[in-house]
């Protein structure tokens, strides 16, 4: 009699535990997937878009192009598009004090330098900027596939997450990708940085 009483009780407890664990996992995944929706990002992006261009240093530009152009050539065939990517990455990296190789690695892992790419979540362009930003910033969605706008916004978002995570690349990259708590994306970016896009 004791055994027959314990079995349903044990099954009921197990079902309750499974339900609690599933709810906790769902809440955790929702809390960790930033998806670029942080309230502080809006004003930062607005300010970034209002800022002027870069102060170009011809020597720095020549060194950057000499190091990166041959690597990018095999991926981006169009010369003007390749030059625009390199110019914008250098410009935004200087403006925000980001490692330019890290930005290249993010673009590489995100969509392999395809500025027309759209993810299943609706993220657009080279740095996979979420599509709600144009509406909030008074832009149109077509601007997200433009190289300067996309890199400008993507770098601002990346810098925000790096500051939020106090320079922890793994956590900042996971936030950028909406995968905090998992290392897959961060590890891919850091490996691509080390093996292909490191720039001293």
Protein backbone atom coordinates (compact mmCIF):
# COMPACT_ATOMS: atom_id res chain seq x y z
CA UNK A 1 0.00 0.00 0.00
CA UNK A 2 2.84 2.37 0.84
CA UNK A 3 4.47 1.75 -2.56
CA UNK A 4 1.29 2.44 -4.52
CA UNK A 5 0.93 5.76 -2.65
CA UNK A 6 4.54 6.80 -3.31
CA UNK A 7 4.54 6.16 -7.06
CA UNK A 8 1.93 8.78 -8.02
CA UNK A 9 3.43 11.23 -5.55
CA UNK A 10 6.89 10.76 -7.05
CA UNK A 11 5.53 11.11 -10.62
CA UNK A 12 3.66 14.27 -9.65
CA UNK A 13 6.77 15.76 -8.06
CA UNK A 14 8.88 14.94 -11.13
CA UNK A 15 6.30 16.60 -13.42
CA UNK A 16 6.28 19.71 -11.21
CA UNK A 17 10.08 19.86 -11.23
CA UNK A 18 10.18 19.50 -15.03
CA UNK A 19 7.62 22.31 -15.36
CA UNK A 20 9.63 24.61 -13.07
CA UNK A 21 12.87 23.87 -14.90
CA UNK A 22 11.27 24.53 -18.30
CA UNK A 23 9.85 27.86 -17.07
CA UNK A 24 13.21 28.87 -15.60
CA UNK A 25 15.03 27.99 -18.83
CA UNK A 26 12.52 29.97 -20.88
CA UNK A 27 12.87 33.04 -18.64
CA UNK A 28 16.66 32.74 -18.67
CA UNK A 29 16.85 32.48 -22.45
CA UNK A 30 14.50 35.45 -22.87
CA UNK A 31 16.49 37.57 -20.42
CA UNK A 32 19.79 36.67 -22.03
CA UNK A 33 18.84 37.24 -25.65
CA UNK A 34 19.24 41.01 -25.83
CA UNK A 35 18.50 41.18 -29.55
CA UNK A 36 19.75 44.79 -29.51
CA UNK A 37 16.64 45.93 -27.60
CA UNK A 38 18.42 47.68 -24.71
CA UNK A 39 16.80 51.05 -24.01
CA UNK A 40 20.19 52.80 -23.79
CA UNK A 41 21.06 51.88 -27.37
CA UNK A 42 18.51 54.23 -28.99
CA UNK A 43 20.13 57.51 -27.89
CA UNK A 44 23.62 56.11 -28.60
CA UNK A 45 22.66 55.19 -32.16
CA UNK A 46 20.92 58.55 -32.67
CA UNK A 47 24.09 60.35 -31.55
CA UNK A 48 26.33 58.11 -33.67
CA UNK A 49 24.28 58.82 -36.80
CA UNK A 50 24.40 62.57 -36.11
CA UNK A 51 28.20 62.59 -35.67
CA UNK A 52 30.37 63.61 -38.58
CA UNK A 53 32.78 61.47 -40.58
CA UNK A 54 36.26 60.30 -39.75
CA UNK A 55 39.47 62.24 -39.58
CA UNK A 56 41.42 60.30 -42.17
CA UNK A 57 45.10 59.62 -41.66
CA UNK A 58 46.63 58.64 -45.01
CA UNK A 59 49.44 56.59 -43.44
CA UNK A 60 47.07 54.65 -41.14
CA UNK A 61 44.75 54.03 -44.07
CA UNK A 62 47.59 52.71 -46.26
CA UNK A 63 48.79 50.32 -43.53
CA UNK A 64 45.23 49.10 -42.87
CA UNK A 65 44.50 48.52 -46.56
CA UNK A 66 47.84 46.76 -47.15
CA UNK A 67 47.10 44.33 -44.31
CA UNK A 68 43.39 43.69 -44.92
CA UNK A 69 42.63 44.19 -48.61
CA UNK A 70 44.33 40.95 -49.77
CA UNK A 71 42.39 38.95 -47.15
CA UNK A 72 39.06 40.51 -48.08
CA UNK A 73 39.63 40.20 -51.84
CA UNK A 74 38.77 36.51 -51.91
CA UNK A 75 35.43 37.14 -50.17
CA UNK A 76 34.27 40.48 -51.62
CA UNK A 77 34.98 40.56 -55.36
CA UNK A 78 33.69 44.08 -56.06
CA UNK A 79 36.56 46.58 -55.59
CA UNK A 80 34.42 49.58 -54.61
CA UNK A 81 32.41 47.53 -52.11
CA UNK A 82 35.60 46.07 -50.65
CA UNK A 83 37.14 49.53 -50.28
CA UNK A 84 33.99 50.91 -48.69
CA UNK A 85 33.90 48.10 -46.11
CA UNK A 86 37.56 48.64 -45.22
CA UNK A 87 37.16 52.42 -44.98
CA UNK A 88 34.06 52.19 -42.79
CA UNK A 89 35.52 49.54 -40.47
CA UNK A 90 38.66 51.62 -39.98
CA UNK A 91 36.63 54.79 -39.47
CA UNK A 92 34.20 53.34 -36.92
CA UNK A 93 36.92 51.44 -35.08
CA UNK A 94 38.85 54.69 -34.61
CA UNK A 95 35.74 56.64 -33.63
CA UNK A 96 34.75 54.12 -30.96
CA UNK A 97 38.19 52.76 -30.05
CA UNK A 98 37.27 49.25 -31.13
CA UNK A 99 39.82 46.71 -32.40
CA UNK A 100 39.26 46.86 -36.19
CA UNK A 101 40.11 43.17 -36.56
CA UNK A 102 37.32 42.33 -34.13
CA UNK A 103 34.83 44.23 -36.28
CA UNK A 104 36.04 42.35 -39.37
CA UNK A 105 35.68 39.04 -37.51
CA UNK A 106 32.10 39.90 -36.46
CA UNK A 107 31.15 40.78 -40.06
CA UNK A 108 32.82 37.60 -41.31
CA UNK A 109 31.01 35.32 -38.84
CA UNK A 110 27.66 37.13 -39.09
CA UNK A 111 27.12 36.83 -42.83
CA UNK A 112 30.49 36.41 -44.57
CA UNK A 113 30.53 40.05 -45.77
CA UNK A 114 27.18 39.78 -47.54
CA UNK A 115 25.55 43.19 -47.15
CA UNK A 116 22.22 41.90 -48.53
CA UNK A 117 21.90 39.15 -45.89
CA UNK A 118 18.74 38.91 -43.77
CA UNK A 119 18.62 36.45 -40.86
CA UNK A 120 15.62 34.39 -39.75
CA UNK A 121 15.18 36.94 -36.91
CA UNK A 122 15.08 39.77 -39.48
CA UNK A 123 18.57 41.17 -38.75
CA UNK A 124 19.97 42.92 -41.82
CA UNK A 125 23.28 43.52 -43.55
CA UNK A 126 26.96 43.11 -42.81
CA UNK A 127 26.66 43.44 -39.03
CA UNK A 128 23.12 42.07 -38.79
CA UNK A 129 21.41 45.15 -37.34
CA UNK A 130 17.86 44.51 -36.15
CA UNK A 131 15.14 45.98 -38.42
CA UNK A 132 13.28 47.95 -35.73
CA UNK A 133 16.12 50.50 -35.52
CA UNK A 134 15.33 52.38 -38.75
CA UNK A 135 11.76 53.03 -37.58
CA UNK A 136 12.96 54.30 -34.21
CA UNK A 137 15.69 56.48 -35.71
CA UNK A 138 13.72 58.00 -38.54
CA UNK A 139 15.49 56.00 -41.25
CA UNK A 140 14.11 53.66 -43.86
CA UNK A 141 14.83 49.92 -43.92
CA UNK A 142 16.77 50.20 -47.20
CA UNK A 143 19.48 52.15 -45.35
CA UNK A 144 20.38 49.04 -43.35
CA UNK A 145 21.93 47.39 -46.42
CA UNK A 146 24.08 50.46 -47.07
CA UNK A 147 27.62 49.76 -45.90
CA UNK A 148 28.26 53.03 -43.99
CA UNK A 149 24.95 52.95 -42.08
CA UNK A 150 25.17 49.27 -41.21
CA UNK A 151 28.76 49.38 -39.96
CA UNK A 152 28.13 52.67 -38.14
CA UNK A 153 25.20 51.18 -36.23
CA UNK A 154 26.72 47.72 -35.75
CA UNK A 155 29.93 49.13 -34.28
CA UNK A 156 27.97 51.41 -31.92
CA UNK A 157 25.98 48.40 -30.67
CA UNK A 158 29.14 46.29 -30.29
CA UNK A 159 30.90 49.06 -28.34
CA UNK A 160 27.90 49.41 -26.05
CA UNK A 161 28.02 45.70 -25.18
CA UNK A 162 31.79 45.75 -24.67
CA UNK A 163 31.42 48.61 -22.19
CA UNK A 164 28.48 46.92 -20.50
CA UNK A 165 30.55 43.76 -20.06
CA UNK A 166 33.66 45.73 -18.96
CA UNK A 167 35.76 44.54 -21.90
CA UNK A 168 34.82 40.86 -21.64
CA UNK A 169 34.80 39.89 -25.33
CA UNK A 170 33.06 36.55 -24.81
CA UNK A 171 30.07 38.03 -22.98
CA UNK A 172 29.87 41.17 -25.14
CA UNK A 173 29.86 39.16 -28.36
CA UNK A 174 27.23 36.80 -26.96
CA UNK A 175 25.04 39.81 -26.10
CA UNK A 176 25.57 41.24 -29.56
CA UNK A 177 24.41 37.94 -31.07
CA UNK A 178 21.59 37.43 -28.55
CA UNK A 179 23.19 34.22 -27.23
CA UNK A 180 24.39 35.13 -23.73
CA UNK A 181 25.04 31.95 -21.78
CA UNK A 182 26.33 30.09 -24.85
CA UNK A 183 29.88 30.33 -26.19
CA UNK A 184 29.47 29.10 -29.75
CA UNK A 185 29.14 32.49 -31.45
CA UNK A 186 31.78 34.24 -29.32
CA UNK A 187 34.26 31.41 -29.87
CA UNK A 188 33.70 31.58 -33.64
CA UNK A 189 34.35 35.32 -33.74
CA UNK A 190 37.46 35.13 -31.55
CA UNK A 191 38.84 32.22 -33.58
CA UNK A 192 38.25 34.14 -36.83
CA UNK A 193 39.94 37.18 -35.28
CA UNK A 194 42.98 35.14 -34.25
CA UNK A 195 43.30 33.20 -37.49
CA UNK A 196 42.35 35.78 -40.11
CA UNK A 197 41.62 39.34 -39.04
CA UNK A 198 44.12 40.21 -36.31
CA UNK A 199 45.55 43.68 -36.91
CA UNK A 200 48.37 45.21 -34.87
